[in-house]
């Protein structure tokens, strides 16, 4: 009964600063803050890896073009970054990773959209790290959401 929340604020210079907040759902239906991690860049999307039996794994995408992976041991409410992957060419806030979805939980592959209309296919390599295996210009729009029908 855990809830992750990604946040960001926009300062006067149009820079996004964000955090990851972990909440516990109490029996009375309310939520309590269990942990907060200042991410630095604005968190634009985050998702748990579904059906993961080895602990909890989740990823975020942010306002400086990165996908970050985190792990959290079951029963503990602390998480640590296990990988940071720069997906967009620029990390100055002009290219944002907007959304992602797990295509395959078993293979840990991901589809990711960015603010320039590109899609990126990320997959887990032999070392367990995610790598960008292909990236292409999909359209001329800013696509905020990427989703997979793998479920």
N, C-alpha and C. Protein backbone atom coordinates (compact mmCIF):
# COMPACT_ATOMS: atom_id res chain seq x y z
N UNK A 1 0.82 -1.19 0.00
CA UNK A 1 0.00 0.00 0.00
C UNK A 1 0.86 1.25 0.00
N UNK A 2 1.68 1.36 -1.03
CA UNK A 2 2.58 2.49 -1.17
C UNK A 2 2.21 3.32 -2.40
N UNK A 3 2.48 4.59 -2.33
CA UNK A 3 2.20 5.51 -3.42
C UNK A 3 3.44 6.35 -3.67
N UNK A 4 3.88 6.41 -4.91
CA UNK A 4 4.97 7.30 -5.31
C UNK A 4 4.39 8.53 -5.97
N UNK A 5 4.98 9.66 -5.71
CA UNK A 5 4.54 10.91 -6.33
C UNK A 5 5.77 11.67 -6.81
N UNK A 6 5.79 12.00 -8.09
CA UNK A 6 6.86 12.82 -8.66
C UNK A 6 6.40 14.25 -8.74
N UNK A 7 7.27 15.18 -8.40
CA UNK A 7 6.88 16.59 -8.35
C UNK A 7 7.86 17.45 -9.14
N UNK A 8 7.41 18.65 -9.44
CA UNK A 8 8.35 19.69 -9.88
C UNK A 8 7.73 21.05 -9.67
N UNK A 9 8.60 22.01 -9.47
CA UNK A 9 8.21 23.41 -9.45
C UNK A 9 9.01 24.10 -10.54
N UNK A 10 8.45 25.15 -11.07
CA UNK A 10 9.08 25.92 -12.14
C UNK A 10 9.50 27.27 -11.56
N UNK A 11 10.81 27.56 -11.60
CA UNK A 11 11.25 28.84 -11.05
C UNK A 11 11.11 29.93 -12.12
N UNK A 12 11.46 31.15 -11.76
CA UNK A 12 11.29 32.28 -12.68
C UNK A 12 12.16 32.18 -13.92
N UNK A 13 13.23 31.39 -13.85
CA UNK A 13 14.08 31.18 -15.02
C UNK A 13 13.65 29.98 -15.85
N UNK A 14 12.46 29.44 -15.58
CA UNK A 14 11.89 28.28 -16.28
C UNK A 14 12.71 27.01 -16.10
N UNK A 15 13.36 26.89 -14.95
CA UNK A 15 14.06 25.67 -14.59
C UNK A 15 13.16 24.86 -13.67
N UNK A 16 13.08 23.56 -13.94
CA UNK A 16 12.24 22.68 -13.14
C UNK A 16 13.08 21.98 -12.07
N UNK A 17 12.62 22.03 -10.83
CA UNK A 17 13.24 21.33 -9.71
C UNK A 17 12.20 20.39 -9.13
N UNK A 18 12.62 19.15 -8.83
CA UNK A 18 11.62 18.20 -8.38
C UNK A 18 12.09 17.24 -7.32
N UNK A 19 11.14 16.43 -6.87
CA UNK A 19 11.41 15.43 -5.84
C UNK A 19 10.55 14.19 -6.08
N UNK A 20 10.93 13.13 -5.39
CA UNK A 20 10.15 11.90 -5.35
C UNK A 20 9.66 11.75 -3.92
N UNK A 21 8.36 11.57 -3.76
CA UNK A 21 7.79 11.39 -2.43
C UNK A 21 7.15 10.01 -2.35
N UNK A 22 7.39 9.32 -1.25
CA UNK A 22 6.84 8.00 -1.01
C UNK A 22 5.84 8.11 0.15
N UNK A 23 4.62 7.68 -0.12
CA UNK A 23 3.55 7.74 0.88
C UNK A 23 3.09 6.33 1.22
N UNK A 24 2.67 6.15 2.46
CA UNK A 24 2.04 4.92 2.90
C UNK A 24 0.56 5.16 3.08
N UNK A 25 -0.23 4.20 2.65
CA UNK A 25 -1.68 4.28 2.78
C UNK A 25 -2.08 3.64 4.11
N UNK A 26 -2.68 4.42 4.98
CA UNK A 26 -3.07 3.96 6.31
C UNK A 26 -4.45 3.31 6.28
N UNK A 27 -4.76 2.54 7.31
CA UNK A 27 -6.03 1.81 7.35
C UNK A 27 -7.25 2.73 7.39
N UNK A 28 -7.07 3.97 7.85
CA UNK A 28 -8.20 4.90 7.87
C UNK A 28 -8.41 5.61 6.53
N UNK A 29 -7.62 5.23 5.52
CA UNK A 29 -7.78 5.81 4.19
C UNK A 29 -6.91 7.03 3.94
N UNK A 30 -6.17 7.47 4.94
CA UNK A 30 -5.30 8.63 4.75
C UNK A 30 -3.90 8.16 4.33
N UNK A 31 -3.09 9.11 3.95
CA UNK A 31 -1.71 8.83 3.53
C UNK A 31 -0.74 9.54 4.46
N UNK A 32 0.44 8.92 4.66
CA UNK A 32 1.48 9.54 5.44
C UNK A 32 2.78 9.53 4.64
N UNK A 33 3.52 10.62 4.69
CA UNK A 33 4.79 10.72 3.98
C UNK A 33 5.83 9.85 4.68
N UNK A 34 6.41 8.90 3.93
CA UNK A 34 7.41 8.00 4.47
C UNK A 34 8.83 8.41 4.10
N UNK A 35 8.99 9.01 2.93
CA UNK A 35 10.32 9.39 2.47
C UNK A 35 10.18 10.44 1.38
N UNK A 36 11.16 11.31 1.31
CA UNK A 36 11.22 12.31 0.25
C UNK A 36 12.66 12.42 -0.22
N UNK A 37 12.83 12.39 -1.54
CA UNK A 37 14.15 12.47 -2.15
C UNK A 37 14.15 13.63 -3.13
N UNK A 38 15.04 14.61 -2.89
CA UNK A 38 15.18 15.72 -3.83
C UNK A 38 15.91 15.21 -5.06
N UNK A 39 15.24 15.22 -6.18
CA UNK A 39 15.76 14.68 -7.42
C UNK A 39 16.65 15.67 -8.15
N UNK A 40 16.48 16.94 -7.89
CA UNK A 40 17.21 17.97 -8.63
C UNK A 40 16.35 18.45 -9.78
N UNK A 41 16.28 17.67 -10.85
CA UNK A 41 15.46 18.01 -12.01
C UNK A 41 13.99 17.67 -11.73
N UNK A 42 13.10 18.30 -12.48
CA UNK A 42 11.68 18.03 -12.33
C UNK A 42 11.32 16.62 -12.75
N UNK A 43 10.54 15.93 -11.94
CA UNK A 43 10.11 14.56 -12.23
C UNK A 43 8.82 14.65 -13.04
N UNK A 44 8.87 14.18 -14.30
CA UNK A 44 7.72 14.30 -15.19
C UNK A 44 6.92 13.01 -15.30
N UNK A 45 7.52 11.89 -14.97
CA UNK A 45 6.79 10.62 -14.96
C UNK A 45 7.56 9.65 -14.07
N UNK A 46 6.85 8.71 -13.46
CA UNK A 46 7.49 7.63 -12.71
C UNK A 46 6.55 6.45 -12.68
N UNK A 47 7.16 5.27 -12.63
CA UNK A 47 6.37 4.04 -12.60
C UNK A 47 7.14 2.95 -11.87
N UNK A 48 6.38 2.14 -11.10
CA UNK A 48 6.91 0.92 -10.51
C UNK A 48 7.10 -0.10 -11.63
N UNK A 49 8.07 -0.99 -11.47
CA UNK A 49 8.17 -2.16 -12.34
C UNK A 49 7.15 -3.16 -11.80
N UNK A 50 6.10 -3.45 -12.54
CA UNK A 50 5.07 -4.38 -12.04
C UNK A 50 5.60 -5.80 -11.90
N UNK A 51 5.02 -6.52 -10.99
CA UNK A 51 5.28 -7.96 -10.82
C UNK A 51 6.74 -8.27 -10.52
N UNK A 52 7.42 -7.38 -9.83
CA UNK A 52 8.82 -7.60 -9.49
C UNK A 52 8.88 -8.30 -8.13
N UNK A 53 9.41 -9.51 -8.10
CA UNK A 53 9.44 -10.28 -6.85
C UNK A 53 10.75 -10.14 -6.09
N UNK A 54 11.73 -9.45 -6.67
CA UNK A 54 13.05 -9.33 -6.04
C UNK A 54 13.19 -8.06 -5.22
N UNK A 55 12.11 -7.36 -4.95
CA UNK A 55 12.16 -6.08 -4.28
C UNK A 55 11.37 -5.10 -5.12
N UNK A 56 11.49 -3.84 -4.82
CA UNK A 56 10.76 -2.82 -5.57
C UNK A 56 11.72 -2.04 -6.44
N UNK A 57 11.36 -1.91 -7.70
CA UNK A 57 12.14 -1.14 -8.66
C UNK A 57 11.20 -0.16 -9.33
N UNK A 58 11.63 1.09 -9.44
CA UNK A 58 10.86 2.06 -10.18
C UNK A 58 11.80 2.97 -10.94
N UNK A 59 11.26 3.62 -11.95
CA UNK A 59 12.05 4.56 -12.76
C UNK A 59 11.33 5.89 -12.83
N UNK A 60 12.11 6.92 -13.08
CA UNK A 60 11.58 8.26 -13.31
C UNK A 60 12.16 8.79 -14.62
N UNK A 61 11.45 9.72 -15.24
CA UNK A 61 12.04 10.52 -16.32
C UNK A 61 11.92 11.97 -15.89
N UNK A 62 12.86 12.80 -16.37
CA UNK A 62 12.92 14.14 -15.81
C UNK A 62 13.12 15.23 -16.86
N UNK A 63 13.19 16.43 -16.35
CA UNK A 63 13.23 17.63 -17.18
C UNK A 63 14.61 17.93 -17.76
N UNK A 64 15.60 17.09 -17.50
CA UNK A 64 16.91 17.28 -18.16
C UNK A 64 17.26 16.08 -19.03
N UNK A 65 16.21 15.34 -19.45
CA UNK A 65 16.39 14.29 -20.44
C UNK A 65 16.94 12.98 -19.94
N UNK A 66 16.73 12.67 -18.67
CA UNK A 66 17.27 11.44 -18.09
C UNK A 66 16.17 10.47 -17.69
N UNK A 67 16.52 9.19 -17.73
CA UNK A 67 15.75 8.15 -17.07
C UNK A 67 16.59 7.68 -15.90
N UNK A 68 16.01 7.67 -14.71
CA UNK A 68 16.70 7.21 -13.51
C UNK A 68 15.99 5.99 -12.95
N UNK A 69 16.76 4.97 -12.59
CA UNK A 69 16.22 3.75 -11.98
C UNK A 69 16.55 3.75 -10.50
N UNK A 70 15.60 3.30 -9.70
CA UNK A 70 15.75 3.24 -8.25
C UNK A 70 15.35 1.86 -7.75
N UNK A 71 15.96 1.44 -6.66
CA UNK A 71 15.56 0.20 -6.00
C UNK A 71 15.17 0.51 -4.57
N UNK A 72 14.28 -0.31 -4.05
CA UNK A 72 13.84 -0.18 -2.66
C UNK A 72 13.59 -1.59 -2.13
N UNK A 73 14.22 -1.93 -1.02
CA UNK A 73 14.01 -3.24 -0.44
C UNK A 73 12.61 -3.34 0.15
N UNK A 74 12.02 -4.51 -0.01
CA UNK A 74 10.68 -4.72 0.52
C UNK A 74 10.72 -4.55 2.04
N UNK A 75 9.79 -3.77 2.56
CA UNK A 75 9.71 -3.53 3.99
C UNK A 75 10.47 -2.30 4.46
N UNK A 76 11.43 -1.82 3.65
CA UNK A 76 12.16 -0.60 3.98
C UNK A 76 11.62 0.53 3.10
N UNK A 77 11.66 1.73 3.60
CA UNK A 77 11.09 2.85 2.87
C UNK A 77 12.16 3.80 2.36
N UNK A 78 13.36 3.29 2.18
CA UNK A 78 14.44 4.09 1.61
C UNK A 78 14.74 3.55 0.23
N UNK A 79 14.98 4.46 -0.71
CA UNK A 79 15.32 4.02 -2.05
C UNK A 79 16.62 4.66 -2.48
N UNK A 80 17.31 3.97 -3.39
CA UNK A 80 18.58 4.48 -3.88
C UNK A 80 18.59 4.41 -5.40
N UNK A 81 19.24 5.38 -5.99
CA UNK A 81 19.37 5.40 -7.45
C UNK A 81 20.38 4.34 -7.86
N UNK A 82 19.98 3.48 -8.78
CA UNK A 82 20.86 2.42 -9.25
C UNK A 82 21.42 2.72 -10.63
N UNK A 83 20.76 3.63 -11.37
CA UNK A 83 21.25 3.99 -12.70
C UNK A 83 20.67 5.32 -13.12
N UNK A 84 21.47 6.08 -13.86
CA UNK A 84 21.02 7.31 -14.49
C UNK A 84 21.45 7.25 -15.94
N UNK A 85 20.49 7.35 -16.85
CA UNK A 85 20.76 7.24 -18.28
C UNK A 85 20.34 8.53 -18.96
N UNK A 86 21.29 9.22 -19.60
CA UNK A 86 20.98 10.43 -20.34
C UNK A 86 20.42 10.01 -21.70
N UNK A 87 19.12 10.18 -21.89
CA UNK A 87 18.45 9.75 -23.12
C UNK A 87 18.47 10.86 -24.16
N UNK A 88 18.16 12.08 -23.76
CA UNK A 88 18.17 13.22 -24.69
C UNK A 88 19.60 13.73 -24.86
N UNK A 89 19.87 14.33 -26.01
CA UNK A 89 21.22 14.82 -26.29
C UNK A 89 21.64 15.94 -25.36
N UNK A 90 20.72 16.85 -25.06
CA UNK A 90 21.05 18.00 -24.21
C UNK A 90 20.47 17.78 -22.82
N UNK A 91 21.21 18.20 -21.80
CA UNK A 91 20.72 18.09 -20.42
C UNK A 91 20.55 19.46 -19.78
N UNK A 92 20.22 20.47 -20.60
CA UNK A 92 20.09 21.83 -20.11
C UNK A 92 18.64 22.25 -19.89
N UNK A 93 17.71 21.30 -19.99
CA UNK A 93 16.30 21.61 -19.81
C UNK A 93 15.58 21.95 -21.11
N UNK A 94 16.29 21.99 -22.22
CA UNK A 94 15.64 22.29 -23.51
C UNK A 94 15.04 21.03 -24.15
N UNK A 95 15.48 19.84 -23.72
CA UNK A 95 14.93 18.57 -24.18
C UNK A 95 14.51 17.78 -22.95
N UNK A 96 13.24 17.46 -22.87
CA UNK A 96 12.69 16.80 -21.70
C UNK A 96 12.29 15.37 -22.03
N UNK A 97 12.57 14.45 -21.13
CA UNK A 97 11.95 13.13 -21.19
C UNK A 97 10.58 13.30 -20.54
N UNK A 98 9.53 12.99 -21.29
CA UNK A 98 8.19 13.29 -20.80
C UNK A 98 7.47 12.12 -20.17
N UNK A 99 7.58 10.95 -20.77
CA UNK A 99 6.81 9.82 -20.31
C UNK A 99 7.49 8.53 -20.72
N UNK A 100 7.16 7.44 -20.02
CA UNK A 100 7.67 6.14 -20.40
C UNK A 100 6.70 5.07 -19.94
N UNK A 101 6.87 3.88 -20.47
CA UNK A 101 6.10 2.73 -20.02
C UNK A 101 6.95 1.48 -20.16
N UNK A 102 6.71 0.53 -19.27
CA UNK A 102 7.38 -0.76 -19.35
C UNK A 102 6.73 -1.55 -20.47
N UNK A 103 7.48 -1.94 -21.49
CA UNK A 103 6.96 -2.77 -22.57
C UNK A 103 6.92 -4.22 -22.11
N UNK A 104 8.00 -4.65 -21.48
CA UNK A 104 8.08 -6.02 -20.99
C UNK A 104 8.69 -5.99 -19.59
N UNK A 105 7.94 -6.49 -18.63
CA UNK A 105 8.46 -6.55 -17.26
C UNK A 105 9.54 -7.62 -17.15
N UNK A 106 9.37 -8.70 -17.88
CA UNK A 106 10.34 -9.80 -17.83
C UNK A 106 11.70 -9.36 -18.36
N UNK A 107 11.70 -8.68 -19.51
CA UNK A 107 12.94 -8.21 -20.12
C UNK A 107 13.36 -6.83 -19.63
N UNK A 108 12.47 -6.17 -18.89
CA UNK A 108 12.69 -4.80 -18.42
C UNK A 108 12.99 -3.84 -19.57
N UNK A 109 12.17 -3.90 -20.60
CA UNK A 109 12.32 -2.97 -21.71
C UNK A 109 11.30 -1.85 -21.57
N UNK A 110 11.66 -0.68 -22.12
CA UNK A 110 10.90 0.56 -21.91
C UNK A 110 10.75 1.29 -23.23
N UNK A 111 9.58 1.93 -23.43
CA UNK A 111 9.40 2.91 -24.49
C UNK A 111 9.30 4.27 -23.82
N UNK A 112 9.96 5.27 -24.39
CA UNK A 112 10.07 6.59 -23.76
C UNK A 112 9.80 7.66 -24.81
N UNK A 113 9.07 8.71 -24.43
CA UNK A 113 8.81 9.84 -25.34
C UNK A 113 9.53 11.08 -24.82
N UNK A 114 9.93 11.95 -25.75
CA UNK A 114 10.57 13.20 -25.34
C UNK A 114 9.87 14.40 -25.97
N UNK A 115 10.29 15.58 -25.60
CA UNK A 115 9.63 16.81 -26.00
C UNK A 115 9.90 17.21 -27.45
N UNK A 116 10.77 16.50 -28.14
CA UNK A 116 11.04 16.80 -29.55
C UNK A 116 10.35 15.82 -30.49
N UNK A 117 9.42 15.02 -29.98
CA UNK A 117 8.69 14.09 -30.81
C UNK A 117 9.41 12.79 -31.08
N UNK A 118 10.44 12.51 -30.30
CA UNK A 118 11.18 11.27 -30.48
C UNK A 118 10.66 10.20 -29.53
N UNK A 119 10.83 8.96 -29.96
CA UNK A 119 10.60 7.80 -29.10
C UNK A 119 11.92 7.08 -28.96
N UNK A 120 12.14 6.51 -27.79
CA UNK A 120 13.36 5.75 -27.54
C UNK A 120 12.97 4.38 -26.99
N UNK A 121 13.66 3.36 -27.48
CA UNK A 121 13.47 2.01 -26.98
C UNK A 121 14.67 1.67 -26.12
N UNK A 122 14.41 1.39 -24.84
CA UNK A 122 15.46 1.05 -23.88
C UNK A 122 15.29 -0.40 -23.49
N UNK A 123 16.41 -1.10 -23.38
CA UNK A 123 16.33 -2.49 -22.95
C UNK A 123 17.45 -2.80 -21.98
N UNK A 124 17.23 -3.85 -21.23
CA UNK A 124 18.19 -4.29 -20.23
C UNK A 124 19.29 -5.10 -20.92
N UNK A 125 20.54 -4.74 -20.68
CA UNK A 125 21.64 -5.50 -21.27
C UNK A 125 22.09 -6.59 -20.29
N UNK A 126 23.14 -7.31 -20.65
CA UNK A 126 23.60 -8.45 -19.84
C UNK A 126 24.03 -8.05 -18.43
N UNK A 127 24.49 -6.80 -18.25
CA UNK A 127 24.92 -6.36 -16.93
C UNK A 127 23.75 -5.94 -16.05
N UNK A 128 22.54 -5.90 -16.62
CA UNK A 128 21.36 -5.49 -15.86
C UNK A 128 21.03 -4.02 -15.99
N UNK A 129 21.88 -3.26 -16.69
CA UNK A 129 21.62 -1.84 -16.88
C UNK A 129 20.79 -1.60 -18.12
N UNK A 130 20.00 -0.53 -18.08
CA UNK A 130 19.22 -0.14 -19.23
C UNK A 130 20.10 0.62 -20.21
N UNK A 131 19.93 0.33 -21.50
CA UNK A 131 20.65 1.04 -22.57
C UNK A 131 19.63 1.44 -23.62
N UNK A 132 19.91 2.53 -24.30
CA UNK A 132 19.06 2.99 -25.39
C UNK A 132 19.50 2.26 -26.65
N UNK A 133 18.66 1.30 -27.11
CA UNK A 133 19.04 0.52 -28.28
C UNK A 133 18.58 1.15 -29.58
N UNK A 134 17.55 2.00 -29.53
CA UNK A 134 17.15 2.75 -30.73
C UNK A 134 16.35 3.97 -30.33
N UNK A 135 16.43 4.97 -31.18
CA UNK A 135 15.73 6.23 -30.95
C UNK A 135 15.38 6.79 -32.31
N UNK A 136 14.16 7.31 -32.46
CA UNK A 136 13.75 7.81 -33.77
C UNK A 136 12.76 8.95 -33.61
N UNK A 137 12.71 9.79 -34.64
CA UNK A 137 11.75 10.89 -34.70
C UNK A 137 10.42 10.30 -35.12
N UNK A 138 9.44 10.33 -34.23
CA UNK A 138 8.15 9.69 -34.50
C UNK A 138 7.15 10.66 -35.13
N UNK A 139 7.25 11.94 -34.79
CA UNK A 139 6.27 12.92 -35.27
C UNK A 139 6.78 14.32 -34.94
N UNK A 140 6.03 15.32 -35.33
CA UNK A 140 6.41 16.71 -35.09
C UNK A 140 5.73 17.34 -33.90
N UNK A 141 5.17 16.52 -33.02
CA UNK A 141 4.44 17.04 -31.86
C UNK A 141 5.22 16.76 -30.57
N UNK A 142 4.81 17.44 -29.52
CA UNK A 142 5.35 17.17 -28.20
C UNK A 142 4.44 16.14 -27.55
N UNK A 143 4.83 14.87 -27.62
CA UNK A 143 3.99 13.79 -27.10
C UNK A 143 4.28 13.58 -25.62
N UNK A 144 3.31 13.84 -24.79
CA UNK A 144 3.56 13.73 -23.37
C UNK A 144 3.50 12.29 -22.88
N UNK A 145 2.69 11.46 -23.48
CA UNK A 145 2.47 10.12 -22.95
C UNK A 145 2.92 9.04 -23.92
N UNK A 146 3.63 8.07 -23.39
CA UNK A 146 3.96 6.86 -24.13
C UNK A 146 3.39 5.69 -23.34
N UNK A 147 2.78 4.73 -24.05
CA UNK A 147 2.15 3.61 -23.37
C UNK A 147 2.30 2.36 -24.22
N UNK A 148 2.27 1.23 -23.57
CA UNK A 148 2.43 -0.06 -24.23
C UNK A 148 1.22 -0.93 -23.92
N UNK A 149 0.85 -1.80 -24.84
CA UNK A 149 -0.28 -2.69 -24.62
C UNK A 149 0.18 -4.08 -24.18
N UNK A 150 1.28 -4.14 -23.48
CA UNK A 150 1.87 -5.44 -23.11
C UNK A 150 1.14 -6.14 -21.99
N UNK A 151 0.18 -5.52 -21.36
CA UNK A 151 -0.48 -6.13 -20.21
C UNK A 151 -1.60 -7.00 -20.68
